[in-house]
PDB file of N, CA and C in Angstrom:
ATOM      1  N   MET A   1     -53.720  52.845  61.982  1.00  0.00           N
ATOM      2  CA  MET A   1     -54.541  51.754  61.688  1.00  0.00           C
ATOM      3  C   MET A   1     -54.638  51.319  60.327  1.00  0.00           C
ATOM      4  N   GLU A   2     -53.409  51.373  59.611  1.00  0.00           N
ATOM      5  CA  GLU A   2     -53.531  50.965  58.107  1.00  0.00           C
ATOM      6  C   GLU A   2     -53.011  49.530  57.823  1.00  0.00           C
ATOM      7  N   GLN A   3     -52.747  48.811  58.951  1.00  0.00           N
ATOM      8  CA  GLN A   3     -52.240  47.562  58.661  1.00  0.00           C
ATOM      9  C   GLN A   3     -53.282  46.238  58.295  1.00  0.00           C
ATOM     10  N   PRO A   4     -53.093  45.586  57.267  1.00  0.00           N
ATOM     11  CA  PRO A   4     -53.913  44.525  56.992  1.00  0.00           C
ATOM     12  C   PRO A   4     -54.247  43.568  58.186  1.00  0.00           C
ATOM     13  N   VAL A   5     -55.110  43.060  58.284  1.00  0.00           N
ATOM     14  CA  VAL A   5     -55.557  41.806  59.268  1.00  0.00           C
ATOM     15  C   VAL A   5     -55.397  40.443  58.521  1.00  0.00           C
ATOM     16  N   VAL A   6     -54.624  39.582  58.978  1.00  0.00           N
ATOM     17  CA  VAL A   6     -54.271  38.559  58.507  1.00  0.00           C
ATOM     18  C   VAL A   6     -54.742  37.282  59.346  1.00  0.00           C
ATOM     19  N   PHE A   7     -54.847  36.048  58.729  1.00  0.00           N
ATOM     20  CA  PHE A   7     -55.097  34.768  59.165  1.00  0.00           C
ATOM     21  C   PHE A   7     -54.211  34.062  58.785  1.00  0.00           C
ATOM     22  N   LEU A   8     -53.492  33.067  60.167  1.00  0.00           N
ATOM     23  CA  LEU A   8     -52.665  32.095  59.792  1.00  0.00           C
ATOM     24  C   LEU A   8     -53.283  30.949  60.509  1.00  0.00           C
ATOM     25  N   GLY A   9     -53.663  30.050  59.694  1.00  0.00           N
ATOM     26  CA  GLY A   9     -54.325  28.761  60.391  1.00  0.00           C
ATOM     27  C   GLY A   9     -53.465  27.635  60.732  1.00  0.00           C
ATOM     28  N   SER A  10     -53.853  26.608  61.713  1.00  0.00           N
ATOM     29  CA  SER A  10     -52.834  25.676  61.849  1.00  0.00           C
ATOM     30  C   SER A  10     -52.550  24.699  60.877  1.00  0.00           C
ATOM     31  N   GLU A  11     -53.307  24.425  59.998  1.00  0.00           N
ATOM     32  CA  GLU A  11     -53.045  23.516  58.941  1.00  0.00           C
ATOM     33  C   GLU A  11     -52.493  24.337  57.644  1.00  0.00           C
ATOM     34  N   GLY A  12     -51.789  25.362  57.776  1.00  0.00           N
ATOM     35  CA  GLY A  12     -51.059  26.008  56.811  1.00  0.00           C
ATOM     36  C   GLY A  12     -52.041  27.128  55.885  1.00  0.00           C
ATOM     37  N   GLU A  13     -53.131  27.602  56.453  1.00  0.00           N
ATOM     38  CA  GLU A  13     -54.029  28.282  55.883  1.00  0.00           C
ATOM     39  C   GLU A  13     -53.492  29.692  56.140  1.00  0.00           C
ATOM     40  N   ALA A  14     -53.338  30.652  55.242  1.00  0.00           N
ATOM     41  CA  ALA A  14     -53.178  31.935  55.273  1.00  0.00           C
ATOM     42  C   ALA A  14     -53.810  32.704  54.216  1.00  0.00           C
ATOM     43  N   GLY A  15     -53.925  33.916  54.731  1.00  0.00           N
ATOM     44  CA  GLY A  15     -54.608  34.941  53.729  1.00  0.00           C
ATOM     45  C   GLY A  15     -54.765  36.377  54.567  1.00  0.00           C
ATOM     46  N   VAL A  16     -55.109  37.232  53.727  1.00  0.00           N
ATOM     47  CA  VAL A  16     -55.292  38.600  54.172  1.00  0.00           C
ATOM     48  C   VAL A  16     -56.912  38.663  54.246  1.00  0.00           C
ATOM     49  N   VAL A  17     -57.152  39.021  55.367  1.00  0.00           N
ATOM     50  CA  VAL A  17     -58.931  39.041  55.459  1.00  0.00           C
ATOM     51  C   VAL A  17     -59.442  40.427  55.424  1.00  0.00           C
ATOM     52  N   ALA A  18     -58.794  41.431  55.843  1.00  0.00           N
ATOM     53  CA  ALA A  18     -59.199  42.792  55.471  1.00  0.00           C
ATOM     54  C   ALA A  18     -58.030  43.689  55.346  1.00  0.00           C
ATOM     55  N   ARG A  19     -58.235  44.681  54.771  1.00  0.00           N
ATOM     56  CA  ARG A  19     -57.137  45.643  54.512  1.00  0.00           C
ATOM     57  C   ARG A  19     -56.859  46.411  55.627  1.00  0.00           C
ATOM     58  N   ASP A  20     -57.555  46.520  56.703  1.00  0.00           N
ATOM     59  CA  ASP A  20     -57.278  47.197  57.986  1.00  0.00           C
ATOM     60  C   ASP A  20     -58.368  46.831  58.912  1.00  0.00           C
ATOM     61  N   PRO A  21     -58.054  47.250  60.129  1.00  0.00           N
ATOM     62  CA  PRO A  21     -59.008  46.785  61.319  1.00  0.00           C
ATOM     63  C   PRO A  21     -60.401  47.194  61.014  1.00  0.00           C
ATOM     64  N   GLY A  22     -60.511  48.486  60.681  1.00  0.00           N
ATOM     65  CA  GLY A  22     -62.027  48.964  60.438  1.00  0.00           C
ATOM     66  C   GLY A  22     -62.745  48.057  59.523  1.00  0.00           C
ATOM     67  N   ALA A  23     -61.850  47.744  58.322  1.00  0.00           N
ATOM     68  CA  ALA A  23     -62.808  46.709  57.527  1.00  0.00           C
ATOM     69  C   ALA A  23     -63.056  45.280  58.213  1.00  0.00           C
ATOM     70  N   PHE A  24     -62.131  44.905  58.793  1.00  0.00           N
ATOM     71  CA  PHE A  24     -62.190  43.665  59.747  1.00  0.00           C
ATOM     72  C   PHE A  24     -63.432  43.857  60.538  1.00  0.00           C
ATOM     73  N   LEU A  25     -63.763  45.037  61.207  1.00  0.00           N
ATOM     74  CA  LEU A  25     -64.938  44.933  61.959  1.00  0.00           C
ATOM     75  C   LEU A  25     -66.142  44.653  61.196  1.00  0.00           C
ATOM     76  N   TRP A  26     -66.498  45.348  60.084  1.00  0.00           N
ATOM     77  CA  TRP A  26     -67.423  45.003  59.105  1.00  0.00           C
ATOM     78  C   TRP A  26     -67.398  43.568  58.519  1.00  0.00           C
ATOM     79  N   LEU A  27     -66.265  42.960  58.485  1.00  0.00           N
ATOM     80  CA  LEU A  27     -66.393  41.556  58.285  1.00  0.00           C
ATOM     81  C   LEU A  27     -66.943  40.817  58.990  1.00  0.00           C
ATOM     82  N   LEU A  28     -66.828  40.826  60.513  1.00  0.00           N
ATOM     83  CA  LEU A  28     -67.146  40.273  61.225  1.00  0.00           C
ATOM     84  C   LEU A  28     -68.805  40.582  61.745  1.00  0.00           C
ATOM     85  N   ALA A  29     -68.918  41.926  61.539  1.00  0.00           N
ATOM     86  CA  ALA A  29     -70.489  42.471  61.723  1.00  0.00           C
ATOM     87  C   ALA A  29     -71.120  41.588  60.495  1.00  0.00           C
ATOM     88  N   ASP A  30     -70.567  41.151  59.543  1.00  0.00           N
ATOM     89  CA  ASP A  30     -71.488  40.384  58.411  1.00  0.00           C
ATOM     90  C   ASP A  30     -71.739  39.189  58.332  1.00  0.00           C
ATOM     91  N   GLY A  31     -71.143  38.622  59.699  1.00  0.00           N
ATOM     92  CA  GLY A  31     -71.391  37.329  60.042  1.00  0.00           C
ATOM     93  C   GLY A  31     -70.035  36.321  59.497  1.00  0.00           C
ATOM     94  N   PHE A  32     -69.072  36.886  59.209  1.00  0.00           N
ATOM     95  CA  PHE A  32     -67.851  36.112  58.545  1.00  0.00           C
ATOM     96  C   PHE A  32     -66.772  36.221  59.786  1.00  0.00           C
ATOM     97  N   GLY A  33     -66.056  35.153  59.794  1.00  0.00           N
ATOM     98  CA  GLY A  33     -64.957  35.253  60.666  1.00  0.00           C
ATOM     99  C   GLY A  33     -63.508  34.995  59.866  1.00  0.00           C
ATOM    100  N   PRO A  34     -62.402  35.322  60.538  1.00  0.00           N
ATOM    101  CA  PRO A  34     -61.211  34.985  59.483  1.00  0.00           C
ATOM    102  C   PRO A  34     -60.987  33.809  58.885  1.00  0.00           C
ATOM    103  N   TRP A  35     -61.411  32.732  59.355  1.00  0.00           N
ATOM    104  CA  TRP A  35     -61.208  31.378  58.528  1.00  0.00           C
ATOM    105  C   TRP A  35     -62.071  31.541  57.312  1.00  0.00           C
ATOM    106  N   GLU A  36     -63.079  31.748  57.432  1.00  0.00           N
ATOM    107  CA  GLU A  36     -64.265  31.955  56.464  1.00  0.00           C
ATOM    108  C   GLU A  36     -63.544  32.794  55.342  1.00  0.00           C
ATOM    109  N   ALA A  37     -63.049  33.956  55.715  1.00  0.00           N
ATOM    110  CA  ALA A  37     -62.626  35.198  54.777  1.00  0.00           C
ATOM    111  C   ALA A  37     -61.362  34.502  54.231  1.00  0.00           C
ATOM    112  N   ALA A  38     -60.341  33.763  54.761  1.00  0.00           N
ATOM    113  CA  ALA A  38     -59.026  33.666  54.218  1.00  0.00           C
ATOM    114  C   ALA A  38     -58.965  32.227  53.571  1.00  0.00           C
ATOM    115  N   THR A  39     -59.738  31.323  53.715  1.00  0.00           N
ATOM    116  CA  THR A  39     -59.966  30.001  52.964  1.00  0.00           C
ATOM    117  C   THR A  39     -60.770  29.819  51.928  1.00  0.00           C
ATOM    118  N   SER A  40     -60.515  29.076  51.015  1.00  0.00           N
ATOM    119  CA  SER A  40     -61.355  28.951  49.825  1.00  0.00           C
ATOM    120  C   SER A  40     -62.045  27.609  49.911  1.00  0.00           C
ATOM    121  N   TYR A  41     -62.141  27.007  51.093  1.00  0.00           N
ATOM    122  CA  TYR A  41     -62.818  25.895  51.492  1.00  0.00           C
ATOM    123  C   TYR A  41     -64.363  26.157  51.340  1.00  0.00           C
ATOM    124  N   GLU A  42     -64.959  25.254  50.871  1.00  0.00           N
ATOM    125  CA  GLU A  42     -66.461  25.590  51.115  1.00  0.00           C
ATOM    126  C   GLU A  42     -67.013  25.215  52.454  1.00  0.00           C
ATOM    127  N   PRO A  43     -67.971  26.019  53.065  1.00  0.00           N
ATOM    128  CA  PRO A  43     -68.298  25.962  54.589  1.00  0.00           C
ATOM    129  C   PRO A  43     -69.157  24.715  54.550  1.00  0.00           C
ATOM    130  N   GLU A  44     -69.457  24.442  55.790  1.00  0.00           N
ATOM    131  CA  GLU A  44     -70.465  23.332  55.980  1.00  0.00           C
ATOM    132  C   GLU A  44     -71.632  23.774  55.416  1.00  0.00           C
ATOM    133  N   PRO A  45     -72.342  22.678  54.841  1.00  0.00           N
ATOM    134  CA  PRO A  45     -73.557  22.805  54.062  1.00  0.00           C
ATOM    135  C   PRO A  45     -74.633  23.583  54.600  1.00  0.00           C
ATOM    136  N   ASP A  46     -74.813  23.531  55.988  1.00  0.00           N
ATOM    137  CA  ASP A  46     -75.866  24.159  56.823  1.00  0.00           C
ATOM    138  C   ASP A  46     -75.213  25.660  57.372  1.00  0.00           C
ATOM    139  N   TRP A  47     -73.939  26.133  56.918  1.00  0.00           N
ATOM    140  CA  TRP A  47     -73.422  27.214  57.531  1.00  0.00           C
ATOM    141  C   TRP A  47     -74.102  28.365  56.601  1.00  0.00           C
ATOM    142  N   ALA A  48     -74.454  29.219  57.143  1.00  0.00           N
ATOM    143  CA  ALA A  48     -74.825  30.811  56.491  1.00  0.00           C
ATOM    144  C   ALA A  48     -74.437  31.906  57.303  1.00  0.00           C
ATOM    145  N   PRO A  49     -73.674  32.934  56.829  1.00  0.00           N
ATOM    146  CA  PRO A  49     -73.320  34.008  57.570  1.00  0.00           C
ATOM    147  C   PRO A  49     -74.771  34.704  58.086  1.00  0.00           C
ATOM    148  N   GLN A  50     -74.671  35.003  59.443  1.00  0.00           N
ATOM    149  CA  GLN A  50     -75.621  35.683  60.355  1.00  0.00           C
ATOM    150  C   GLN A  50     -75.226  37.060  60.386  1.00  0.00           C
ATOM    151  N   VAL A  51     -75.771  38.241  60.125  1.00  0.00           N
ATOM    152  CA  VAL A  51     -75.302  39.549  60.441  1.00  0.00           C
ATOM    153  C   VAL A  51     -75.501  39.576  61.951  1.00  0.00           C
ATOM    154  N   ASN A  52     -74.647  40.311  62.773  1.00  0.00           N
ATOM    155  CA  ASN A  52     -74.600  40.234  64.371  1.00  0.00           C
ATOM    156  C   ASN A  52     -74.514  41.873  64.734  1.00  0.00           C
ATOM    157  N   ARG A  53     -76.014  41.994  65.135  1.00  0.00           N
ATOM    158  CA  ARG A  53     -76.311  43.702  65.351  1.00  0.00           C
ATOM    159  C   ARG A  53     -75.507  44.177  66.214  1.00  0.00           C
ATOM    160  N   GLY A  54     -75.014  43.497  67.292  1.00  0.00           N
ATOM    161  CA  GLY A  54     -73.987  43.831  68.291  1.00  0.00           C
ATOM    162  C   GLY A  54     -72.660  44.348  67.857  1.00  0.00           C
ATOM    163  N   LEU A  55     -72.400  43.594  66.703  1.00  0.00           N
ATOM    164  CA  LEU A  55     -71.060  43.841  66.143  1.00  0.00           C
ATOM    165  C   LEU A  55     -71.106  45.121  64.907  1.00  0.00           C
ATOM    166  N   VAL A  56     -72.264  45.019  64.356  1.00  0.00           N
ATOM    167  CA  VAL A  56     -72.507  46.249  63.548  1.00  0.00           C
ATOM    168  C   VAL A  56     -72.641  47.486  64.257  1.00  0.00           C
ATOM    169  N   ALA A  57     -73.124  47.619  65.645  1.00  0.00           N
ATOM    170  CA  ALA A  57     -73.066  48.809  66.470  1.00  0.00           C
ATOM    171  C   ALA A  57     -71.652  49.184  66.620  1.00  0.00           C
ATOM    172  N   ILE A  58     -70.649  48.141  66.951  1.00  0.00           N
ATOM    173  CA  ILE A  58     -69.455  48.507  67.298  1.00  0.00           C
ATOM    174  C   ILE A  58     -68.727  49.135  65.954  1.00  0.00           C
ATOM    175  N   ALA A  59     -68.841  48.414  64.916  1.00  0.00           N
ATOM    176  CA  ALA A  59     -68.418  48.915  63.622  1.00  0.00           C
ATOM    177  C   ALA A  59     -68.660  50.053  63.289  1.00  0.00           C
ATOM    178  N   GLU A  60     -69.955  50.469  63.368  1.00  0.00           N
ATOM    179  CA  GLU A  60     -70.582  51.803  63.169  1.00  0.00           C
ATOM    180  C   GLU A  60     -69.907  53.011  64.068  1.00  0.00           C
ATOM    181  N   GLN A  61     -69.638  52.550  65.274  1.00  0.00           N
ATOM    182  CA  GLN A  61     -69.081  53.472  66.244  1.00  0.00           C
ATOM    183  C   GLN A  61     -67.541  53.706  65.977  1.00  0.00           C
ATOM    184  N   PHE A  62     -66.887  52.578  65.534  1.00  0.00           N
ATOM    185  CA  PHE A  62     -65.459  52.557  65.320  1.00  0.00           C
ATOM    186  C   PHE A  62     -64.955  52.884  63.739  1.00  0.00           C
ATOM    187  N   ALA A  63     -65.703  52.473  62.771  1.00  0.00           N
ATOM    188  CA  ALA A  63     -65.221  52.471  61.393  1.00  0.00           C
ATOM    189  C   ALA A  63     -66.589  52.640  60.391  1.00  0.00           C
ATOM    190  N   PRO A  64     -67.005  53.799  60.791  1.00  0.00           N
ATOM    191  CA  PRO A  64     -68.497  54.008  59.704  1.00  0.00           C
ATOM    192  C   PRO A  64     -67.851  54.306  58.412  1.00  0.00           C
ATOM    193  N   ASP A  65     -66.835  54.705  58.323  1.00  0.00           N
ATOM    194  CA  ASP A  65     -66.148  54.842  56.959  1.00  0.00           C
ATOM    195  C   ASP A  65     -65.798  53.790  55.894  1.00  0.00           C
ATOM    196  N   ARG A  66     -65.764  52.493  56.865  1.00  0.00           N
ATOM    197  CA  ARG A  66     -65.400  51.478  56.104  1.00  0.00           C
ATOM    198  C   ARG A  66     -66.604  50.435  55.757  1.00  0.00           C
ATOM    199  N   ARG A  67     -67.739  50.914  56.061  1.00  0.00           N
ATOM    200  CA  ARG A  67     -68.721  50.206  55.806  1.00  0.00           C
ATOM    201  C   ARG A  67     -68.817  49.249  54.306  1.00  0.00           C
ATOM    202  N   ALA A  68     -68.944  48.010  54.452  1.00  0.00           N
ATOM    203  CA  ALA A  68     -68.810  47.343  53.059  1.00  0.00           C
ATOM    204  C   ALA A  68     -69.266  45.774  53.602  1.00  0.00           C
ATOM    205  N   SER A  69     -69.679  45.096  52.458  1.00  0.00           N
ATOM    206  CA  SER A  69     -70.145  43.657  52.552  1.00  0.00           C
ATOM    207  C   SER A  69     -69.042  42.759  52.614  1.00  0.00           C
ATOM    208  N   ALA A  70     -69.182  41.649  53.568  1.00  0.00           N
ATOM    209  CA  ALA A  70     -67.857  40.799  53.778  1.00  0.00           C
ATOM    210  C   ALA A  70     -67.136  40.632  52.158  1.00  0.00           C
ATOM    211  N   ALA A  71     -68.274  40.079  51.267  1.00  0.00           N
ATOM    212  CA  ALA A  71     -67.627  39.717  49.953  1.00  0.00           C
ATOM    213  C   ALA A  71     -66.942  41.154  49.373  1.00  0.00           C
ATOM    214  N   ALA A  72     -67.144  42.280  49.533  1.00  0.00           N
ATOM    215  CA  ALA A  72     -66.222  43.448  49.121  1.00  0.00           C
ATOM    216  C   ALA A  72     -65.092  43.395  49.869  1.00  0.00           C
ATOM    217  N   ILE A  73     -64.974  43.295  51.297  1.00  0.00           N
ATOM    218  CA  ILE A  73     -63.956  43.359  51.750  1.00  0.00           C
ATOM    219  C   ILE A  73     -63.033  42.340  51.567  1.00  0.00           C
ATOM    220  N   ILE A  74     -63.480  41.124  51.448  1.00  0.00           N
ATOM    221  CA  ILE A  74     -62.679  39.952  51.082  1.00  0.00           C
ATOM    222  C   ILE A  74     -61.840  40.316  49.671  1.00  0.00           C
ATOM    223  N   ALA A  75     -62.674  40.662  48.808  1.00  0.00           N
ATOM    224  CA  ALA A  75     -62.234  40.803  47.297  1.00  0.00           C
ATOM    225  C   ALA A  75     -61.002  42.097  47.469  1.00  0.00           C
ATOM    226  N   GLN A  76     -61.248  43.019  47.904  1.00  0.00           N
ATOM    227  CA  GLN A  76     -60.556  44.020  48.214  1.00  0.00           C
ATOM    228  C   GLN A  76     -59.077  43.738  48.802  1.00  0.00           C
ATOM    229  N   ALA A  77     -59.036  42.942  50.095  1.00  0.00           N
ATOM    230  CA  ALA A  77     -57.909  42.571  50.356  1.00  0.00           C
ATOM    231  C   ALA A  77     -57.235  41.471  49.389  1.00  0.00           C
ATOM    232  N   THR A  78     -57.910  40.504  48.833  1.00  0.00           N
ATOM    233  CA  THR A  78     -57.107  39.662  47.877  1.00  0.00           C
ATOM    234  C   THR A  78     -56.591  40.507  46.800  1.00  0.00           C
ATOM    235  N   ARG A  79     -57.245  41.538  46.216  1.00  0.00           N
ATOM    236  CA  ARG A  79     -56.736  42.410  45.062  1.00  0.00           C
ATOM    237  C   ARG A  79     -55.447  43.042  45.595  1.00  0.00           C
ATOM    238  N   GLU A  80     -55.710  43.847  46.802  1.00  0.00           N
ATOM    239  CA  GLU A  80     -54.270  44.566  47.475  1.00  0.00           C
ATOM    240  C   GLU A  80     -53.113  43.764  47.820  1.00  0.00           C
ATOM    241  N   PHE A  81     -53.359  42.594  48.397  1.00  0.00           N
ATOM    242  CA  PHE A  81     -52.269  41.371  48.803  1.00  0.00           C
ATOM    243  C   PHE A  81     -52.347  40.184  48.084  1.00  0.00           C
ATOM    244  N   PRO A  82     -52.276  40.136  46.819  1.00  0.00           N
ATOM    245  CA  PRO A  82     -52.436  38.906  46.047  1.00  0.00           C
ATOM    246  C   PRO A  82     -51.440  37.867  46.355  1.00  0.00           C
ATOM    247  N   ASP A  83     -50.225  38.246  46.546  1.00  0.00           N
ATOM    248  CA  ASP A  83     -49.028  37.310  47.018  1.00  0.00           C
ATOM    249  C   ASP A  83     -48.760  36.975  48.337  1.00  0.00           C
ATOM    250  N   PHE A  84     -49.678  37.312  49.383  1.00  0.00           N
ATOM    251  CA  PHE A  84     -49.520  37.120  50.833  1.00  0.00           C
ATOM    252  C   PHE A  84     -49.308  35.640  50.975  1.00  0.00           C
ATOM    253  N   ASP A  85     -50.225  34.639  50.572  1.00  0.00           N
ATOM    254  CA  ASP A  85     -49.812  33.377  50.849  1.00  0.00           C
ATOM    255  C   ASP A  85     -48.424  32.920  50.357  1.00  0.00           C
ATOM    256  N   ALA A  86     -48.172  33.107  49.068  1.00  0.00           N
ATOM    257  CA  ALA A  86     -46.964  32.651  48.531  1.00  0.00           C
ATOM    258  C   ALA A  86     -45.939  33.229  49.190  1.00  0.00           C
ATOM    259  N   THR A  87     -46.085  34.358  49.652  1.00  0.00           N
ATOM    260  CA  THR A  87     -44.814  35.036  50.566  1.00  0.00           C
ATOM    261  C   THR A  87     -44.529  34.385  51.835  1.00  0.00           C
ATOM    262  N   ILE A  88     -45.714  33.979  52.485  1.00  0.00           N
ATOM    263  CA  ILE A  88     -45.537  33.245  53.791  1.00  0.00           C
ATOM    264  C   ILE A  88     -45.064  31.842  53.495  1.00  0.00           C
ATOM    265  N   MET A  89     -45.483  31.170  52.562  1.00  0.00           N
ATOM    266  CA  MET A  89     -44.987  29.654  52.318  1.00  0.00           C
ATOM    267  C   MET A  89     -43.437  29.941  51.940  1.00  0.00           C
ATOM    268  N   LYS A  90     -43.168  30.688  51.360  1.00  0.00           N
ATOM    269  CA  LYS A  90     -41.463  31.042  51.082  1.00  0.00           C
ATOM    270  C   LYS A  90     -40.787  31.176  52.425  1.00  0.00           C
ATOM    271  N   LEU A  91     -41.269  31.602  53.322  1.00  0.00           N
ATOM    272  CA  LEU A  91     -40.871  31.823  54.673  1.00  0.00           C
ATOM    273  C   LEU A  91     -40.656  30.571  55.698  1.00  0.00           C
ATOM    274  N   CYS A  92     -41.577  29.450  55.177  1.00  0.00           N
ATOM    275  CA  CYS A  92     -41.756  28.263  55.929  1.00  0.00           C
ATOM    276  C   CYS A  92     -40.586  27.463  55.262  1.00  0.00           C
ATOM    277  N   ARG A  93     -39.966  26.585  56.419  1.00  0.00           N
ATOM    278  CA  ARG A  93     -39.015  25.622  56.133  1.00  0.00           C
ATOM    279  C   ARG A  93     -39.577  24.062  56.016  1.00  0.00           C
TER     280      ARG A  93
END
């Protein structure tokens, strides 16, 4: 389970959102989805992440060693896979 979790959007958005599925569970638990993690667009003015207690319980059960804030998970994925978007764009015609 060491594969990164990526987001490929319908409008060309692409990004690594978490370095592995365990980190992705914590991203979701912290109230972020793949789109929010992968894009640099400003969220809607009234949007704010909400911790999801049910997803926290799942993340604690399946990935207790990956616990981190969404900001830390996104930063780590960005550092580990900095060229992902460029690589995907090279593959597009």
